[in-house]
Amino acid sequence: MEALKLIDATPFNPLVIKSHYNFNWDELKPICRNLINTAPHQTDLEKNNGKSSSTNPQSPHMIYQFNSFYKWLSPMIEHVIVKEWGYDPKLKYGIVQSWVNVHNKTGVTIEHAHGAAIMAISTYLQLPKDSGFIEYKDPMEYTKNFHQRTSLDWMWKQVPAITGDVLMFPGWLLHRTQPSNSDEERWVLTTNVGIVGIK
């Protein structure tokens, strides 16, 4: 008997797109730590042993040590927004904000979205074993609530990753991190992309 073959034929746009970049973490680590330490205050999104540089006026995408990464990332941003998600190709899309987060053991980022950002990008600068992954909330949760589920947390799905993985997703998609269970630090670079002009 021939084995059953199932093919994903969903015709809708992909929500989360993954790529990979090899960072020089030894070079970037002191820069990232300085961004955290010089942030004027912390946000309410980072809990327990989590900290963010999001309030720091100095952003990673404006620091030359990150230039090679953002140069590599730029054509993918354009491709995903226009070709995968169907946004207007006559508009110009660019980075409007970036920051780093660090989580020690039990550190977590709680549920949130990225407001008016067309694309949010989570990049693992350092992802030790057992430090947890990002989780996305099913945008169809209210429709699917008509069906019985086996878990109260059924609408949250993790995306496994490794150090250097880059995750691109719509800014409206709700997400959070799993708490870290590692004694080593988890470092994430976050980037928001928006409309910056007309071509």
C-alpha atoms as a PDB file:
ATOM      1  CA  MET A   1       0.000   0.000   0.000  1.00  0.00           C
ATOM      2  CA  GLU A   2       1.372   3.411  -0.978  1.00  0.00           C
ATOM      3  CA  ALA A   3       2.306   5.668   1.925  1.00  0.00           C
ATOM      4  CA  LEU A   4      -0.028   8.592   2.580  1.00  0.00           C
ATOM      5  CA  LYS A   5       1.386  11.860   1.203  1.00  0.00           C
ATOM      6  CA  LEU A   6       0.077  15.168   2.456  1.00  0.00           C
ATOM      7  CA  ILE A   7       1.142  18.484   0.909  1.00  0.00           C
ATOM      8  CA  ASP A   8       0.538  21.889   2.477  1.00  0.00           C
ATOM      9  CA  ALA A   9      -1.515  23.707  -0.169  1.00  0.00           C
ATOM     10  CA  THR A  10      -2.494  26.737   1.914  1.00  0.00           C
ATOM     11  CA  PRO A  11      -2.624  29.633  -0.567  1.00  0.00           C
ATOM     12  CA  PHE A  12      -2.249  32.472   1.941  1.00  0.00           C
ATOM     13  CA  ASN A  13       0.851  34.532   2.628  1.00  0.00           C
ATOM     14  CA  PRO A  14       3.406  33.068   5.048  1.00  0.00           C
ATOM     15  CA  LEU A  15       3.452  34.820   8.413  1.00  0.00           C
ATOM     16  CA  VAL A  16       6.859  33.948   9.854  1.00  0.00           C
ATOM     17  CA  ILE A  17       9.896  33.675   7.588  1.00  0.00           C
ATOM     18  CA  LYS A  18      13.265  32.441   8.848  1.00  0.00           C
ATOM     19  CA  SER A  19      16.783  33.083   7.603  1.00  0.00           C
ATOM     20  CA  HIS A  20      20.237  32.868   9.199  1.00  0.00           C
ATOM     21  CA  TYR A  21      23.253  35.144   9.690  1.00  0.00           C
ATOM     22  CA  ASN A  22      26.645  34.430  11.264  1.00  0.00           C
ATOM     23  CA  PHE A  23      27.499  37.175  13.760  1.00  0.00           C
ATOM     24  CA  ASN A  24      30.814  38.070  15.345  1.00  0.00           C
ATOM     25  CA  TRP A  25      29.419  37.901  18.863  1.00  0.00           C
ATOM     26  CA  ASP A  26      32.732  38.681  20.545  1.00  0.00           C
ATOM     27  CA  GLU A  27      32.709  42.044  18.767  1.00  0.00           C
ATOM     28  CA  LEU A  28      29.034  42.796  19.340  1.00  0.00           C
ATOM     29  CA  LYS A  29      28.618  41.654  22.955  1.00  0.00           C
ATOM     30  CA  PRO A  30      30.241  44.703  24.640  1.00  0.00           C
ATOM     31  CA  ILE A  31      28.288  47.025  22.328  1.00  0.00           C
ATOM     32  CA  CYS A  32      25.014  45.307  23.208  1.00  0.00           C
ATOM     33  CA  ARG A  33      25.779  45.368  26.919  1.00  0.00           C
ATOM     34  CA  ASN A  34      26.535  49.094  26.728  1.00  0.00           C
ATOM     35  CA  LEU A  35      23.205  49.688  24.961  1.00  0.00           C
ATOM     36  CA  ILE A  36      21.414  47.923  27.836  1.00  0.00           C
ATOM     37  CA  ASN A  37      23.405  49.680  30.572  1.00  0.00           C
ATOM     38  CA  THR A  38      22.879  53.165  29.129  1.00  0.00           C
ATOM     39  CA  ALA A  39      19.127  52.817  28.475  1.00  0.00           C
ATOM     40  CA  PRO A  40      17.368  55.576  30.474  1.00  0.00           C
ATOM     41  CA  HIS A  41      14.724  53.208  31.847  1.00  0.00           C
ATOM     42  CA  GLN A  42      13.241  49.751  31.322  1.00  0.00           C
ATOM     43  CA  THR A  43       9.963  48.827  29.652  1.00  0.00           C
ATOM     44  CA  ASP A  44       7.142  46.817  31.213  1.00  0.00           C
ATOM     45  CA  LEU A  45       7.518  44.062  28.593  1.00  0.00           C
ATOM     46  CA  GLU A  46      10.669  42.579  30.135  1.00  0.00           C
ATOM     47  CA  LYS A  47      10.015  40.608  33.323  1.00  0.00           C
ATOM     48  CA  ASN A  48      12.061  38.822  35.966  1.00  0.00           C
ATOM     49  CA  ASN A  49      15.660  38.828  34.725  1.00  0.00           C
ATOM     50  CA  GLY A  50      15.004  40.551  31.404  1.00  0.00           C
ATOM     51  CA  LYS A  51      16.306  43.917  30.212  1.00  0.00           C
ATOM     52  CA  SER A  52      15.944  45.958  27.020  1.00  0.00           C
ATOM     53  CA  SER A  53      17.720  48.841  25.298  1.00  0.00           C
ATOM     54  CA  SER A  54      14.477  49.963  23.589  1.00  0.00           C
ATOM     55  CA  THR A  55      14.477  53.322  25.412  1.00  0.00           C
ATOM     56  CA  ASN A  56      18.065  54.049  24.386  1.00  0.00           C
ATOM     57  CA  PRO A  57      18.226  56.760  21.668  1.00  0.00           C
ATOM     58  CA  GLN A  58      21.224  54.921  20.226  1.00  0.00           C
ATOM     59  CA  SER A  59      19.955  52.028  18.092  1.00  0.00           C
ATOM     60  CA  PRO A  60      21.913  49.027  16.746  1.00  0.00           C
ATOM     61  CA  HIS A  61      21.041  49.818  13.111  1.00  0.00           C
ATOM     62  CA  MET A  62      22.879  53.133  13.522  1.00  0.00           C
ATOM     63  CA  ILE A  63      26.071  51.501  14.856  1.00  0.00           C
ATOM     64  CA  TYR A  64      28.671  50.617  12.228  1.00  0.00           C
ATOM     65  CA  GLN A  65      29.456  47.175  13.696  1.00  0.00           C
ATOM     66  CA  PHE A  66      25.934  46.142  12.660  1.00  0.00           C
ATOM     67  CA  ASN A  67      26.257  47.569   9.128  1.00  0.00           C
ATOM     68  CA  SER A  68      27.131  44.280   7.423  1.00  0.00           C
ATOM     69  CA  PHE A  69      24.116  42.553   8.977  1.00  0.00           C
ATOM     70  CA  TYR A  70      21.647  45.237   7.911  1.00  0.00           C
ATOM     71  CA  LYS A  71      23.171  45.411   4.426  1.00  0.00           C
ATOM     72  CA  TRP A  72      22.605  41.637   4.142  1.00  0.00           C
ATOM     73  CA  LEU A  73      19.076  41.964   5.564  1.00  0.00           C
ATOM     74  CA  SER A  74      17.868  44.865   3.397  1.00  0.00           C
ATOM     75  CA  PRO A  75      17.000  42.982   0.162  1.00  0.00           C
ATOM     76  CA  MET A  76      15.168  40.284   2.143  1.00  0.00           C
ATOM     77  CA  ILE A  77      13.018  42.911   3.837  1.00  0.00           C
ATOM     78  CA  GLU A  78      11.996  44.298   0.458  1.00  0.00           C
ATOM     79  CA  HIS A  79      11.337  40.821  -0.963  1.00  0.00           C
ATOM     80  CA  VAL A  80       9.184  39.620   1.938  1.00  0.00           C
ATOM     81  CA  ILE A  81       7.109  42.808   2.242  1.00  0.00           C
ATOM     82  CA  VAL A  82       6.425  43.170  -1.483  1.00  0.00           C
ATOM     83  CA  LYS A  83       6.620  39.639  -2.933  1.00  0.00           C
ATOM     84  CA  GLU A  84       5.460  37.507  -0.019  1.00  0.00           C
ATOM     85  CA  TRP A  85       3.019  39.866   1.726  1.00  0.00           C
ATOM     86  CA  GLY A  86       1.807  41.888  -1.272  1.00  0.00           C
ATOM     87  CA  TYR A  87       2.490  45.438  -0.077  1.00  0.00           C
ATOM     88  CA  ASP A  88       2.732  48.320  -2.572  1.00  0.00           C
ATOM     89  CA  PRO A  89       6.066  48.133  -4.488  1.00  0.00           C
ATOM     90  CA  LYS A  90       5.962  51.899  -5.100  1.00  0.00           C
ATOM     91  CA  LEU A  91       6.490  52.585  -1.407  1.00  0.00           C
ATOM     92  CA  LYS A  92       9.908  52.599   0.209  1.00  0.00           C
ATOM     93  CA  TYR A  93      10.338  50.408   3.289  1.00  0.00           C
ATOM     94  CA  GLY A  94      13.107  50.830   5.843  1.00  0.00           C
ATOM     95  CA  ILE A  95      14.219  50.380   9.423  1.00  0.00           C
ATOM     96  CA  VAL A  96      12.552  52.764  11.854  1.00  0.00           C
ATOM     97  CA  GLN A  97      13.760  51.353  15.185  1.00  0.00           C
ATOM     98  CA  SER A  98      16.027  48.661  16.636  1.00  0.00           C
ATOM     99  CA  TRP A  99      17.124  47.508  20.078  1.00  0.00           C
ATOM    100  CA  VAL A 100      18.522  44.530  21.992  1.00  0.00           C
ATOM    101  CA  ASN A 101      17.045  42.440  24.792  1.00  0.00           C
ATOM    102  CA  VAL A 102      18.913  40.251  27.250  1.00  0.00           C
ATOM    103  CA  HIS A 103      17.396  37.534  29.425  1.00  0.00           C
ATOM    104  CA  ASN A 104      19.046  35.721  32.282  1.00  0.00           C
ATOM    105  CA  LYS A 105      17.480  32.691  33.956  1.00  0.00           C
ATOM    106  CA  THR A 106      13.672  33.099  34.289  1.00  0.00           C
ATOM    107  CA  GLY A 107      13.805  36.248  32.122  1.00  0.00           C
ATOM    108  CA  VAL A 108      10.893  36.679  29.735  1.00  0.00           C
ATOM    109  CA  THR A 109       9.273  39.116  27.313  1.00  0.00           C
ATOM    110  CA  ILE A 110       5.498  39.138  27.775  1.00  0.00           C
ATOM    111  CA  GLU A 111       2.814  39.146  25.059  1.00  0.00           C
ATOM    112  CA  HIS A 112       2.853  42.169  22.748  1.00  0.00           C
ATOM    113  CA  ALA A 113       2.755  43.360  19.136  1.00  0.00           C
ATOM    114  CA  HIS A 114       4.750  46.042  17.332  1.00  0.00           C
ATOM    115  CA  GLY A 115       2.044  48.582  16.641  1.00  0.00           C
ATOM    116  CA  ALA A 116       2.255  50.250  13.237  1.00  0.00           C
ATOM    117  CA  ALA A 117       5.414  48.407  12.156  1.00  0.00           C
ATOM    118  CA  ILE A 118       4.851  46.560   8.885  1.00  0.00           C
ATOM    119  CA  MET A 119       7.523  44.024   9.786  1.00  0.00           C
ATOM    120  CA  ALA A 120       9.184  43.029  13.046  1.00  0.00           C
ATOM    121  CA  ILE A 121      12.443  41.082  12.995  1.00  0.00           C
ATOM    122  CA  SER A 122      13.747  39.023  15.910  1.00  0.00           C
ATOM    123  CA  THR A 123      17.364  37.965  15.549  1.00  0.00           C
ATOM    124  CA  TYR A 124      19.136  35.620  17.952  1.00  0.00           C
ATOM    125  CA  LEU A 125      22.558  37.057  18.695  1.00  0.00           C
ATOM    126  CA  GLN A 126      23.113  34.411  21.357  1.00  0.00           C
ATOM    127  CA  LEU A 127      20.727  31.546  22.086  1.00  0.00           C
ATOM    128  CA  PRO A 128      22.133  29.117  24.660  1.00  0.00           C
ATOM    129  CA  LYS A 129      20.622  25.691  25.182  1.00  0.00           C
ATOM    130  CA  ASP A 130      17.409  25.761  27.269  1.00  0.00           C
ATOM    131  CA  SER A 131      17.130  29.562  27.058  1.00  0.00           C
ATOM    132  CA  GLY A 132      13.729  29.394  25.350  1.00  0.00           C
ATOM    133  CA  PHE A 133      12.232  30.382  22.011  1.00  0.00           C
ATOM    134  CA  ILE A 134       9.830  32.972  20.689  1.00  0.00           C
ATOM    135  CA  GLU A 135       6.144  32.006  20.586  1.00  0.00           C
ATOM    136  CA  TYR A 136       3.448  33.391  18.273  1.00  0.00           C
ATOM    137  CA  LYS A 137      -0.259  33.608  19.012  1.00  0.00           C
ATOM    138  CA  ASP A 138      -2.550  32.108  16.390  1.00  0.00           C
ATOM    139  CA  PRO A 139      -4.279  35.102  14.701  1.00  0.00           C
ATOM    140  CA  MET A 140      -7.308  32.868  14.127  1.00  0.00           C
ATOM    141  CA  GLU A 141      -7.786  32.201  17.842  1.00  0.00           C
ATOM    142  CA  TYR A 142     -11.311  33.660  18.026  1.00  0.00           C
ATOM    143  CA  THR A 143     -12.554  31.639  15.065  1.00  0.00           C
ATOM    144  CA  LYS A 144     -10.905  28.460  16.313  1.00  0.00           C
ATOM    145  CA  ASN A 145     -12.353  28.909  19.808  1.00  0.00           C
ATOM    146  CA  PHE A 146     -15.563  27.351  18.436  1.00  0.00           C
ATOM    147  CA  HIS A 147     -13.719  24.027  18.430  1.00  0.00           C
ATOM    148  CA  GLN A 148     -12.722  22.075  21.488  1.00  0.00           C
ATOM    149  CA  ARG A 149      -9.039  22.232  22.387  1.00  0.00           C
ATOM    150  CA  THR A 150      -6.988  19.959  24.610  1.00  0.00           C
ATOM    151  CA  SER A 151      -4.902  22.757  26.158  1.00  0.00           C
ATOM    152  CA  LEU A 152      -5.679  26.234  27.452  1.00  0.00           C
ATOM    153  CA  ASP A 153      -2.486  27.383  25.760  1.00  0.00           C
ATOM    154  CA  TRP A 154      -3.293  25.873  22.361  1.00  0.00           C
ATOM    155  CA  MET A 155      -3.106  29.213  20.518  1.00  0.00           C
ATOM    156  CA  TRP A 156       0.606  29.727  21.286  1.00  0.00           C
ATOM    157  CA  LYS A 157       3.178  28.015  19.041  1.00  0.00           C
ATOM    158  CA  GLN A 158       6.943  28.165  19.398  1.00  0.00           C
ATOM    159  CA  VAL A 159       9.432  28.520  16.563  1.00  0.00           C
ATOM    160  CA  PRO A 160      12.601  26.553  17.378  1.00  0.00           C
ATOM    161  CA  ALA A 161      15.788  28.414  16.538  1.00  0.00           C
ATOM    162  CA  ILE A 162      19.550  28.523  16.956  1.00  0.00           C
ATOM    163  CA  THR A 163      22.044  31.339  17.415  1.00  0.00           C
ATOM    164  CA  GLY A 164      22.060  33.481  14.270  1.00  0.00           C
ATOM    165  CA  ASP A 165      18.485  32.746  13.207  1.00  0.00           C
ATOM    166  CA  VAL A 166      16.525  35.717  11.867  1.00  0.00           C
ATOM    167  CA  LEU A 167      12.705  35.680  12.114  1.00  0.00           C
ATOM    168  CA  MET A 168      10.663  38.146  10.030  1.00  0.00           C
ATOM    169  CA  PHE A 169       6.945  38.536  10.806  1.00  0.00           C
ATOM    170  CA  PRO A 170       4.136  41.124  10.591  1.00  0.00           C
ATOM    171  CA  GLY A 171       4.256  43.757  13.314  1.00  0.00           C
ATOM    172  CA  TRP A 172       0.614  43.042  14.236  1.00  0.00           C
ATOM    173  CA  LEU A 173       1.281  39.380  15.086  1.00  0.00           C
ATOM    174  CA  LEU A 174       1.127  38.851  18.856  1.00  0.00           C
ATOM    175  CA  HIS A 175       4.207  37.169  20.296  1.00  0.00           C
ATOM    176  CA  ARG A 176       6.116  36.516  23.505  1.00  0.00           C
ATOM    177  CA  THR A 177       9.191  34.625  24.667  1.00  0.00           C
ATOM    178  CA  GLN A 178       9.444  31.490  26.723  1.00  0.00           C
ATOM    179  CA  PRO A 179      11.154  31.975  30.105  1.00  0.00           C
ATOM    180  CA  SER A 180      14.823  31.162  29.980  1.00  0.00           C
ATOM    181  CA  ASN A 181      15.957  28.052  31.857  1.00  0.00           C
ATOM    182  CA  SER A 182      19.616  28.677  31.149  1.00  0.00           C
ATOM    183  CA  ASP A 183      22.311  30.130  33.376  1.00  0.00           C
ATOM    184  CA  GLU A 184      23.711  31.809  30.248  1.00  0.00           C
ATOM    185  CA  GLU A 185      22.354  35.005  28.716  1.00  0.00           C
ATOM    186  CA  ARG A 186      19.932  35.003  25.793  1.00  0.00           C
ATOM    187  CA  TRP A 187      20.512  38.019  23.514  1.00  0.00           C
ATOM    188  CA  VAL A 188      18.008  39.109  20.865  1.00  0.00           C
ATOM    189  CA  LEU A 189      18.247  41.955  18.362  1.00  0.00           C
ATOM    190  CA  THR A 190      14.837  43.382  17.436  1.00  0.00           C
ATOM    191  CA  THR A 191      14.175  45.536  14.376  1.00  0.00           C
ATOM    192  CA  ASN A 192      11.024  47.366  13.266  1.00  0.00           C
ATOM    193  CA  VAL A 193      10.407  48.135   9.587  1.00  0.00           C
ATOM    194  CA  GLY A 194       7.949  50.723   8.320  1.00  0.00           C
ATOM    195  CA  ILE A 195       7.146  52.967   5.353  1.00  0.00           C
ATOM    196  CA  VAL A 196       9.893  55.600   5.005  1.00  0.00           C
ATOM    197  CA  GLY A 197       8.964  57.220   1.686  1.00  0.00           C
ATOM    198  CA  ILE A 198       7.891  56.807  -1.928  1.00  0.00           C
ATOM    199  CA  LYS A 199      10.173  55.436  -4.649  1.00  0.00           C
END
